[in-house]
PDB file of N, CA and C in Angstrom:
ATOM      1  N   MET A   1      92.301 146.089  72.509  1.00  0.00           N
ATOM      2  CA  MET A   1      92.660 146.617  73.842  1.00  0.00           C
ATOM      3  C   MET A   1      92.029 146.671  74.808  1.00  0.00           C
ATOM      4  N   ALA A   2      90.563 146.823  74.242  1.00  0.00           N
ATOM      5  CA  ALA A   2      89.456 146.953  75.206  1.00  0.00           C
ATOM      6  C   ALA A   2      88.577 146.200  75.851  1.00  0.00           C
ATOM      7  N   GLU A   3      89.109 144.709  75.124  1.00  0.00           N
ATOM      8  CA  GLU A   3      89.021 143.581  75.908  1.00  0.00           C
ATOM      9  C   GLU A   3      89.962 142.978  77.173  1.00  0.00           C
ATOM     10  N   ALA A   4      90.612 142.862  76.114  1.00  0.00           N
ATOM     11  CA  ALA A   4      92.167 142.606  77.472  1.00  0.00           C
ATOM     12  C   ALA A   4      92.289 144.129  79.032  1.00  0.00           C
ATOM     13  N   PHE A   5      91.378 145.310  78.764  1.00  0.00           N
ATOM     14  CA  PHE A   5      91.215 146.002  79.407  1.00  0.00           C
ATOM     15  C   PHE A   5      89.999 145.451  80.370  1.00  0.00           C
ATOM     16  N   VAL A   6      88.874 145.336  79.754  1.00  0.00           N
ATOM     17  CA  VAL A   6      87.702 144.412  80.485  1.00  0.00           C
ATOM     18  C   VAL A   6      88.287 143.547  81.169  1.00  0.00           C
ATOM     19  N   LYS A   7      88.379 142.322  81.143  1.00  0.00           N
ATOM     20  CA  LYS A   7      89.525 141.518  81.331  1.00  0.00           C
ATOM     21  C   LYS A   7      89.903 141.451  82.395  1.00  0.00           C
ATOM     22  N   SER A   8      90.696 141.931  82.274  1.00  0.00           N
ATOM     23  CA  SER A   8      91.531 142.518  83.708  1.00  0.00           C
ATOM     24  C   SER A   8      91.201 142.819  84.765  1.00  0.00           C
ATOM     25  N   THR A   9      90.662 143.553  84.454  1.00  0.00           N
ATOM     26  CA  THR A   9      89.673 144.667  85.171  1.00  0.00           C
ATOM     27  C   THR A   9      88.916 143.904  86.160  1.00  0.00           C
ATOM     28  N   VAL A  10      87.790 143.249  85.591  1.00  0.00           N
ATOM     29  CA  VAL A  10      87.249 142.583  86.555  1.00  0.00           C
ATOM     30  C   VAL A  10      87.916 141.091  87.358  1.00  0.00           C
ATOM     31  N   GLU A  11      88.786 140.784  86.819  1.00  0.00           N
ATOM     32  CA  GLU A  11      89.246 140.135  87.283  1.00  0.00           C
ATOM     33  C   GLU A  11      89.879 140.418  88.372  1.00  0.00           C
ATOM     34  N   ALA A  12      90.983 141.704  88.633  1.00  0.00           N
ATOM     35  CA  ALA A  12      91.751 141.886  89.140  1.00  0.00           C
ATOM     36  C   ALA A  12      90.957 142.493  90.902  1.00  0.00           C
ATOM     37  N   HIS A  13      89.077 143.128  90.607  1.00  0.00           N
ATOM     38  CA  HIS A  13      88.467 143.456  91.407  1.00  0.00           C
ATOM     39  C   HIS A  13      87.292 142.426  91.963  1.00  0.00           C
ATOM     40  N   LYS A  14      86.440 142.743  93.068  1.00  0.00           N
ATOM     41  CA  LYS A  14      85.976 141.893  93.340  1.00  0.00           C
ATOM     42  C   LYS A  14      84.329 142.376  92.904  1.00  0.00           C
ATOM     43  N   VAL A  15      84.187 144.208  93.152  1.00  0.00           N
ATOM     44  CA  VAL A  15      83.468 144.765  92.391  1.00  0.00           C
ATOM     45  C   VAL A  15      83.707 145.715  91.186  1.00  0.00           C
ATOM     46  N   VAL A  16      83.465 145.761  90.374  1.00  0.00           N
ATOM     47  CA  VAL A  16      83.563 147.155  89.505  1.00  0.00           C
ATOM     48  C   VAL A  16      82.659 148.048  88.894  1.00  0.00           C
ATOM     49  N   VAL A  17      82.518 149.181  88.908  1.00  0.00           N
ATOM     50  CA  VAL A  17      81.385 149.916  88.354  1.00  0.00           C
ATOM     51  C   VAL A  17      82.327 150.841  86.686  1.00  0.00           C
ATOM     52  N   PHE A  18      82.305 150.371  86.055  1.00  0.00           N
ATOM     53  CA  PHE A  18      81.919 150.868  84.686  1.00  0.00           C
ATOM     54  C   PHE A  18      81.286 152.039  84.310  1.00  0.00           C
ATOM     55  N   SER A  19      82.021 153.371  84.682  1.00  0.00           N
ATOM     56  CA  SER A  19      81.028 154.841  84.823  1.00  0.00           C
ATOM     57  C   SER A  19      81.689 155.935  84.247  1.00  0.00           C
ATOM     58  N   LYS A  20      80.791 156.859  84.575  1.00  0.00           N
ATOM     59  CA  LYS A  20      81.471 158.298  83.232  1.00  0.00           C
ATOM     60  C   LYS A  20      81.328 159.349  84.617  1.00  0.00           C
ATOM     61  N   SER A  21      81.860 159.719  84.823  1.00  0.00           N
ATOM     62  CA  SER A  21      82.108 160.965  86.035  1.00  0.00           C
ATOM     63  C   SER A  21      80.967 161.770  86.579  1.00  0.00           C
ATOM     64  N   TYR A  22      80.144 161.995  85.539  1.00  0.00           N
ATOM     65  CA  TYR A  22      79.197 163.061  84.972  1.00  0.00           C
ATOM     66  C   TYR A  22      77.840 162.593  85.382  1.00  0.00           C
ATOM     67  N   CYS A  23      77.550 161.282  85.230  1.00  0.00           N
ATOM     68  CA  CYS A  23      76.504 160.362  84.543  1.00  0.00           C
ATOM     69  C   CYS A  23      75.232 160.079  86.097  1.00  0.00           C
ATOM     70  N   PRO A  24      74.619 160.586  86.891  1.00  0.00           N
ATOM     71  CA  PRO A  24      73.496 160.911  87.642  1.00  0.00           C
ATOM     72  C   PRO A  24      73.204 159.067  88.268  1.00  0.00           C
ATOM     73  N   TYR A  25      73.238 158.512  87.011  1.00  0.00           N
ATOM     74  CA  TYR A  25      72.996 156.936  87.701  1.00  0.00           C
ATOM     75  C   TYR A  25      73.990 156.397  87.800  1.00  0.00           C
ATOM     76  N   CYS A  26      75.274 156.705  87.700  1.00  0.00           N
ATOM     77  CA  CYS A  26      76.371 156.342  88.160  1.00  0.00           C
ATOM     78  C   CYS A  26      76.907 157.333  89.401  1.00  0.00           C
ATOM     79  N   LYS A  27      76.897 157.827  89.844  1.00  0.00           N
ATOM     80  CA  LYS A  27      76.551 158.424  91.204  1.00  0.00           C
ATOM     81  C   LYS A  27      76.304 157.434  92.035  1.00  0.00           C
ATOM     82  N   LYS A  28      74.967 157.302  91.791  1.00  0.00           N
ATOM     83  CA  LYS A  28      73.220 156.672  92.747  1.00  0.00           C
ATOM     84  C   LYS A  28      74.416 155.689  92.519  1.00  0.00           C
ATOM     85  N   ALA A  29      74.796 154.667  91.749  1.00  0.00           N
ATOM     86  CA  ALA A  29      75.196 153.339  92.322  1.00  0.00           C
ATOM     87  C   ALA A  29      76.301 153.178  92.799  1.00  0.00           C
ATOM     88  N   LYS A  30      77.363 154.431  92.827  1.00  0.00           N
ATOM     89  CA  LYS A  30      78.382 154.320  93.663  1.00  0.00           C
ATOM     90  C   LYS A  30      78.266 154.880  94.690  1.00  0.00           C
ATOM     91  N   GLN A  31      77.104 155.752  95.268  1.00  0.00           N
ATOM     92  CA  GLN A  31      77.413 155.798  96.603  1.00  0.00           C
ATOM     93  C   GLN A  31      76.138 155.123  97.498  1.00  0.00           C
ATOM     94  N   LEU A  32      75.189 154.580  96.757  1.00  0.00           N
ATOM     95  CA  LEU A  32      74.455 153.083  97.130  1.00  0.00           C
ATOM     96  C   LEU A  32      75.698 152.178  98.119  1.00  0.00           C
ATOM     97  N   LEU A  33      76.822 151.684  97.101  1.00  0.00           N
ATOM     98  CA  LEU A  33      77.605 150.757  97.316  1.00  0.00           C
ATOM     99  C   LEU A  33      78.215 151.585  98.102  1.00  0.00           C
ATOM    100  N   SER A  34      78.956 152.480  98.484  1.00  0.00           N
ATOM    101  CA  SER A  34      79.667 152.836  99.719  1.00  0.00           C
ATOM    102  C   SER A  34      78.875 152.676 100.911  1.00  0.00           C
ATOM    103  N   ALA A  35      77.283 153.435 101.143  1.00  0.00           N
ATOM    104  CA  ALA A  35      76.539 153.675 101.987  1.00  0.00           C
ATOM    105  C   ALA A  35      76.953 152.074 102.512  1.00  0.00           C
ATOM    106  N   ALA A  36      76.511 151.125 101.475  1.00  0.00           N
ATOM    107  CA  ALA A  36      76.422 149.613 101.820  1.00  0.00           C
ATOM    108  C   ALA A  36      78.285 149.243 102.777  1.00  0.00           C
ATOM    109  N   GLY A  37      78.977 149.975 102.650  1.00  0.00           N
ATOM    110  CA  GLY A  37      80.654 149.456 102.953  1.00  0.00           C
ATOM    111  C   GLY A  37      80.540 148.241 101.693  1.00  0.00           C
ATOM    112  N   VAL A  38      80.166 148.454 100.632  1.00  0.00           N
ATOM    113  CA  VAL A  38      80.565 147.643  99.392  1.00  0.00           C
ATOM    114  C   VAL A  38      82.023 148.397  99.034  1.00  0.00           C
ATOM    115  N   LYS A  39      83.333 148.062  98.639  1.00  0.00           N
ATOM    116  CA  LYS A  39      84.351 148.401  98.180  1.00  0.00           C
ATOM    117  C   LYS A  39      84.507 147.613  96.417  1.00  0.00           C
ATOM    118  N   PHE A  40      84.756 149.114  96.024  1.00  0.00           N
ATOM    119  CA  PHE A  40      84.819 148.563  94.547  1.00  0.00           C
ATOM    120  C   PHE A  40      85.633 149.375  93.571  1.00  0.00           C
ATOM    121  N   HIS A  41      85.582 149.154  92.432  1.00  0.00           N
ATOM    122  CA  HIS A  41      86.887 149.917  91.944  1.00  0.00           C
ATOM    123  C   HIS A  41      85.716 150.593  90.019  1.00  0.00           C
ATOM    124  N   ALA A  42      86.276 151.875  90.701  1.00  0.00           N
ATOM    125  CA  ALA A  42      85.577 152.728  90.232  1.00  0.00           C
ATOM    126  C   ALA A  42      86.404 152.599  88.208  1.00  0.00           C
ATOM    127  N   VAL A  43      85.538 152.601  86.587  1.00  0.00           N
ATOM    128  CA  VAL A  43      86.760 152.745  86.116  1.00  0.00           C
ATOM    129  C   VAL A  43      85.321 153.963  84.797  1.00  0.00           C
ATOM    130  N   GLU A  44      86.638 155.234  85.508  1.00  0.00           N
ATOM    131  CA  GLU A  44      85.825 156.598  84.516  1.00  0.00           C
ATOM    132  C   GLU A  44      85.673 156.719  83.287  1.00  0.00           C
ATOM    133  N   LEU A  45      84.781 156.460  82.215  1.00  0.00           N
ATOM    134  CA  LEU A  45      84.820 155.507  80.730  1.00  0.00           C
ATOM    135  C   LEU A  45      84.830 157.587  80.397  1.00  0.00           C
ATOM    136  N   ASP A  46      84.669 158.085  81.069  1.00  0.00           N
ATOM    137  CA  ASP A  46      84.552 159.295  80.335  1.00  0.00           C
ATOM    138  C   ASP A  46      86.486 160.516  80.369  1.00  0.00           C
ATOM    139  N   THR A  47      87.064 160.208  81.281  1.00  0.00           N
ATOM    140  CA  THR A  47      88.380 160.295  81.653  1.00  0.00           C
ATOM    141  C   THR A  47      89.162 159.439  80.962  1.00  0.00           C
ATOM    142  N   MET A  48      89.532 158.605  80.067  1.00  0.00           N
ATOM    143  CA  MET A  48      90.358 157.796  79.575  1.00  0.00           C
ATOM    144  C   MET A  48      90.294 157.873  77.643  1.00  0.00           C
ATOM    145  N   SER A  49      91.449 157.989  77.613  1.00  0.00           N
ATOM    146  CA  SER A  49      91.189 158.240  75.560  1.00  0.00           C
ATOM    147  C   SER A  49      90.488 157.076  74.886  1.00  0.00           C
ATOM    148  N   ASN A  50      90.442 156.177  75.809  1.00  0.00           N
ATOM    149  CA  ASN A  50      90.015 154.565  75.026  1.00  0.00           C
ATOM    150  C   ASN A  50      88.515 154.042  76.013  1.00  0.00           C
ATOM    151  N   GLY A  51      88.049 155.419  76.644  1.00  0.00           N
ATOM    152  CA  GLY A  51      86.655 155.035  77.547  1.00  0.00           C
ATOM    153  C   GLY A  51      85.636 154.808  75.908  1.00  0.00           C
ATOM    154  N   PRO A  52      85.337 155.100  74.808  1.00  0.00           N
ATOM    155  CA  PRO A  52      84.495 154.888  74.365  1.00  0.00           C
ATOM    156  C   PRO A  52      84.022 153.363  73.855  1.00  0.00           C
ATOM    157  N   ASP A  53      85.563 153.293  72.946  1.00  0.00           N
ATOM    158  CA  ASP A  53      86.483 151.980  72.507  1.00  0.00           C
ATOM    159  C   ASP A  53      85.532 151.018  74.130  1.00  0.00           C
ATOM    160  N   ILE A  54      85.867 151.226  75.368  1.00  0.00           N
ATOM    161  CA  ILE A  54      85.614 150.473  76.148  1.00  0.00           C
ATOM    162  C   ILE A  54      84.297 150.139  76.554  1.00  0.00           C
ATOM    163  N   GLN A  55      83.579 151.541  76.435  1.00  0.00           N
ATOM    164  CA  GLN A  55      82.145 151.066  76.446  1.00  0.00           C
ATOM    165  C   GLN A  55      81.677 150.094  75.749  1.00  0.00           C
ATOM    166  N   ALA A  56      81.623 150.804  74.213  1.00  0.00           N
ATOM    167  CA  ALA A  56      81.375 150.022  73.189  1.00  0.00           C
ATOM    168  C   ALA A  56      81.589 148.403  73.057  1.00  0.00           C
ATOM    169  N   TYR A  57      82.701 147.735  73.806  1.00  0.00           N
ATOM    170  CA  TYR A  57      82.522 146.707  73.920  1.00  0.00           C
ATOM    171  C   TYR A  57      81.731 145.878  75.087  1.00  0.00           C
ATOM    172  N   LEU A  58      81.765 146.699  76.150  1.00  0.00           N
ATOM    173  CA  LEU A  58      80.820 146.717  77.279  1.00  0.00           C
ATOM    174  C   LEU A  58      79.388 146.473  76.904  1.00  0.00           C
ATOM    175  N   GLU A  59      79.135 146.999  75.606  1.00  0.00           N
ATOM    176  CA  GLU A  59      78.032 146.921  75.421  1.00  0.00           C
ATOM    177  C   GLU A  59      77.698 145.618  73.971  1.00  0.00           C
ATOM    178  N   GLN A  60      78.573 144.978  73.697  1.00  0.00           N
ATOM    179  CA  GLN A  60      78.463 144.247  72.857  1.00  0.00           C
ATOM    180  C   GLN A  60      78.405 142.705  74.139  1.00  0.00           C
ATOM    181  N   LEU A  61      79.401 142.595  74.671  1.00  0.00           N
ATOM    182  CA  LEU A  61      79.372 141.852  75.529  1.00  0.00           C
ATOM    183  C   LEU A  61      78.387 141.771  76.754  1.00  0.00           C
ATOM    184  N   THR A  62      77.808 142.822  77.094  1.00  0.00           N
ATOM    185  CA  THR A  62      76.651 142.434  77.936  1.00  0.00           C
ATOM    186  C   THR A  62      75.132 142.762  77.497  1.00  0.00           C
ATOM    187  N   GLY A  63      75.262 143.367  76.336  1.00  0.00           N
ATOM    188  CA  GLY A  63      73.794 144.044  76.080  1.00  0.00           C
ATOM    189  C   GLY A  63      73.539 145.261  76.918  1.00  0.00           C
ATOM    190  N   LEU A  64      74.310 146.045  77.220  1.00  0.00           N
ATOM    191  CA  LEU A  64      73.521 147.385  78.574  1.00  0.00           C
ATOM    192  C   LEU A  64      74.685 147.961  77.870  1.00  0.00           C
ATOM    193  N   LYS A  65      73.365 149.127  76.909  1.00  0.00           N
ATOM    194  CA  LYS A  65      73.688 150.160  76.337  1.00  0.00           C
ATOM    195  C   LYS A  65      74.577 151.071  77.036  1.00  0.00           C
ATOM    196  N   GLY A  66      74.470 151.819  77.600  1.00  0.00           N
ATOM    197  CA  GLY A  66      74.900 152.896  78.863  1.00  0.00           C
ATOM    198  C   GLY A  66      75.675 152.817  80.013  1.00  0.00           C
ATOM    199  N   VAL A  67      76.506 153.100  81.058  1.00  0.00           N
ATOM    200  CA  VAL A  67      76.535 152.968  82.233  1.00  0.00           C
ATOM    201  C   VAL A  67      75.343 153.894  83.461  1.00  0.00           C
ATOM    202  N   PRO A  68      75.577 152.856  84.618  1.00  0.00           N
ATOM    203  CA  PRO A  68      77.127 152.011  85.041  1.00  0.00           C
ATOM    204  C   PRO A  68      76.713 150.703  84.614  1.00  0.00           C
ATOM    205  N   ASN A  69      77.724 150.638  84.320  1.00  0.00           N
ATOM    206  CA  ASN A  69      78.217 148.756  83.733  1.00  0.00           C
ATOM    207  C   ASN A  69      78.698 148.218  85.137  1.00  0.00           C
ATOM    208  N   VAL A  70      77.825 147.320  86.448  1.00  0.00           N
ATOM    209  CA  VAL A  70      78.540 146.832  87.394  1.00  0.00           C
ATOM    210  C   VAL A  70      78.910 145.340  87.159  1.00  0.00           C
ATOM    211  N   TRP A  71      79.938 145.242  87.474  1.00  0.00           N
ATOM    212  CA  TRP A  71      80.445 143.925  87.616  1.00  0.00           C
ATOM    213  C   TRP A  71      81.045 143.302  89.303  1.00  0.00           C
ATOM    214  N   VAL A  72      81.029 142.242  89.064  1.00  0.00           N
ATOM    215  CA  VAL A  72      80.562 141.281  90.605  1.00  0.00           C
ATOM    216  C   VAL A  72      81.541 140.155  90.712  1.00  0.00           C
ATOM    217  N   LYS A  73      82.564 140.031  91.201  1.00  0.00           N
ATOM    218  CA  LYS A  73      83.048 138.471  91.127  1.00  0.00           C
ATOM    219  C   LYS A  73      83.113 137.941  89.455  1.00  0.00           C
ATOM    220  N   GLY A  74      83.983 138.962  88.942  1.00  0.00           N
ATOM    221  CA  GLY A  74      83.890 138.490  87.073  1.00  0.00           C
ATOM    222  C   GLY A  74      83.073 138.255  86.418  1.00  0.00           C
ATOM    223  N   LYS A  75      82.168 138.701  86.544  1.00  0.00           N
ATOM    224  CA  LYS A  75      80.265 138.595  86.014  1.00  0.00           C
ATOM    225  C   LYS A  75      80.073 139.792  85.915  1.00  0.00           C
ATOM    226  N   HIS A  76      79.137 139.972  84.723  1.00  0.00           N
ATOM    227  CA  HIS A  76      78.094 140.753  84.790  1.00  0.00           C
ATOM    228  C   HIS A  76      76.698 140.934  85.881  1.00  0.00           C
ATOM    229  N   PHE A  77      76.934 142.431  86.813  1.00  0.00           N
ATOM    230  CA  PHE A  77      75.912 142.396  86.840  1.00  0.00           C
ATOM    231  C   PHE A  77      74.500 142.861  86.865  1.00  0.00           C
ATOM    232  N   GLY A  78      74.895 143.963  86.630  1.00  0.00           N
ATOM    233  CA  GLY A  78      73.730 144.972  86.317  1.00  0.00           C
ATOM    234  C   GLY A  78      74.272 146.466  86.452  1.00  0.00           C
ATOM    235  N   ASP A  79      72.911 146.952  86.107  1.00  0.00           N
ATOM    236  CA  ASP A  79      73.262 149.200  86.532  1.00  0.00           C
ATOM    237  C   ASP A  79      72.429 149.060  88.226  1.00  0.00           C
ATOM    238  N   ASP A  80      72.633 150.441  87.647  1.00  0.00           N
ATOM    239  CA  ASP A  80      72.844 151.335  88.971  1.00  0.00           C
ATOM    240  C   ASP A  80      70.988 150.511  89.673  1.00  0.00           C
ATOM    241  N   GLY A  81      70.288 150.478  89.082  1.00  0.00           N
ATOM    242  CA  GLY A  81      68.701 149.826  89.580  1.00  0.00           C
ATOM    243  C   GLY A  81      68.977 148.464  89.511  1.00  0.00           C
ATOM    244  N   ASP A  82      69.544 147.170  89.402  1.00  0.00           N
ATOM    245  CA  ASP A  82      70.172 146.116  89.776  1.00  0.00           C
ATOM    246  C   ASP A  82      70.729 146.389  91.373  1.00  0.00           C
ATOM    247  N   VAL A  83      71.844 147.319  91.395  1.00  0.00           N
ATOM    248  CA  VAL A  83      72.055 147.140  92.448  1.00  0.00           C
ATOM    249  C   VAL A  83      71.583 147.865  93.818  1.00  0.00           C
ATOM    250  N   GLU A  84      70.555 148.505  93.218  1.00  0.00           N
ATOM    251  CA  GLU A  84      69.746 149.046  94.282  1.00  0.00           C
ATOM    252  C   GLU A  84      68.611 147.780  94.656  1.00  0.00           C
ATOM    253  N   GLU A  85      68.355 147.060  93.626  1.00  0.00           N
ATOM    254  CA  GLU A  85      67.320 146.226  94.273  1.00  0.00           C
ATOM    255  C   GLU A  85      68.016 144.798  94.797  1.00  0.00           C
ATOM    256  N   HIS A  86      69.048 144.429  94.840  1.00  0.00           N
ATOM    257  CA  HIS A  86      69.878 143.267  95.451  1.00  0.00           C
ATOM    258  C   HIS A  86      70.391 144.285  96.825  1.00  0.00           C
ATOM    259  N   LEU A  87      70.803 145.775  96.603  1.00  0.00           N
ATOM    260  CA  LEU A  87      71.584 145.595  98.096  1.00  0.00           C
ATOM    261  C   LEU A  87      70.422 145.570  99.027  1.00  0.00           C
ATOM    262  N   ALA A  88      69.239 145.944  98.381  1.00  0.00           N
ATOM    263  CA  ALA A  88      68.506 145.715  99.480  1.00  0.00           C
ATOM    264  C   ALA A  88      67.427 144.225 100.256  1.00  0.00           C
ATOM    265  N   LYS A  89      68.269 143.307  99.198  1.00  0.00           N
ATOM    266  CA  LYS A  89      67.555 142.004  99.643  1.00  0.00           C
ATOM    267  C   LYS A  89      68.876 141.613 100.711  1.00  0.00           C
ATOM    268  N   ASP A  90      70.233 141.712  99.436  1.00  0.00           N
ATOM    269  CA  ASP A  90      71.537 140.814 100.004  1.00  0.00           C
ATOM    270  C   ASP A  90      72.492 141.556  99.702  1.00  0.00           C
ATOM    271  N   LYS A  91      73.694 142.963 100.634  1.00  0.00           N
ATOM    272  CA  LYS A  91      74.438 143.013 100.823  1.00  0.00           C
ATOM    273  C   LYS A  91      75.439 142.210 100.917  1.00  0.00           C
ATOM    274  N   SER A  92      75.337 140.767 101.026  1.00  0.00           N
ATOM    275  CA  SER A  92      77.036 140.417 101.444  1.00  0.00           C
ATOM    276  C   SER A  92      76.897 139.759 100.133  1.00  0.00           C
ATOM    277  N   PHE A  93      76.076 139.516  99.200  1.00  0.00           N
ATOM    278  CA  PHE A  93      76.708 139.206  97.769  1.00  0.00           C
ATOM    279  C   PHE A  93      77.756 140.165  96.965  1.00  0.00           C
ATOM    280  N   PHE A  94      77.479 140.761  97.620  1.00  0.00           N
ATOM    281  CA  PHE A  94      78.959 142.362  97.416  1.00  0.00           C
ATOM    282  C   PHE A  94      80.028 141.977  97.464  1.00  0.00           C
ATOM    283  N   GLU A  95      80.510 141.044  98.676  1.00  0.00           N
ATOM    284  CA  GLU A  95      81.314 140.848  99.874  1.00  0.00           C
ATOM    285  C   GLU A  95      82.959 139.705  99.291  1.00  0.00           C
TER     286      GLU A  95
END
């Protein structure tokens, strides 16, 4: 179930942020993307009954233990630090 959800979500949206609503690193990633005018889809794992399962699957898939877990154009991209670094270089990557 988590696998199907992740797959369908990253296929349906150009940029996806798997996040937790209270996480400061997630807020930072979302604020950076918003400020750069990048449209993204946020999945707030802490508000979903299967959020822990999705996060566990993402960790298996990417090796990234925490959130945010950012995907761009169907591929794993990284976390808030990767977003910040890449936006400084090339915003068009996210478009």
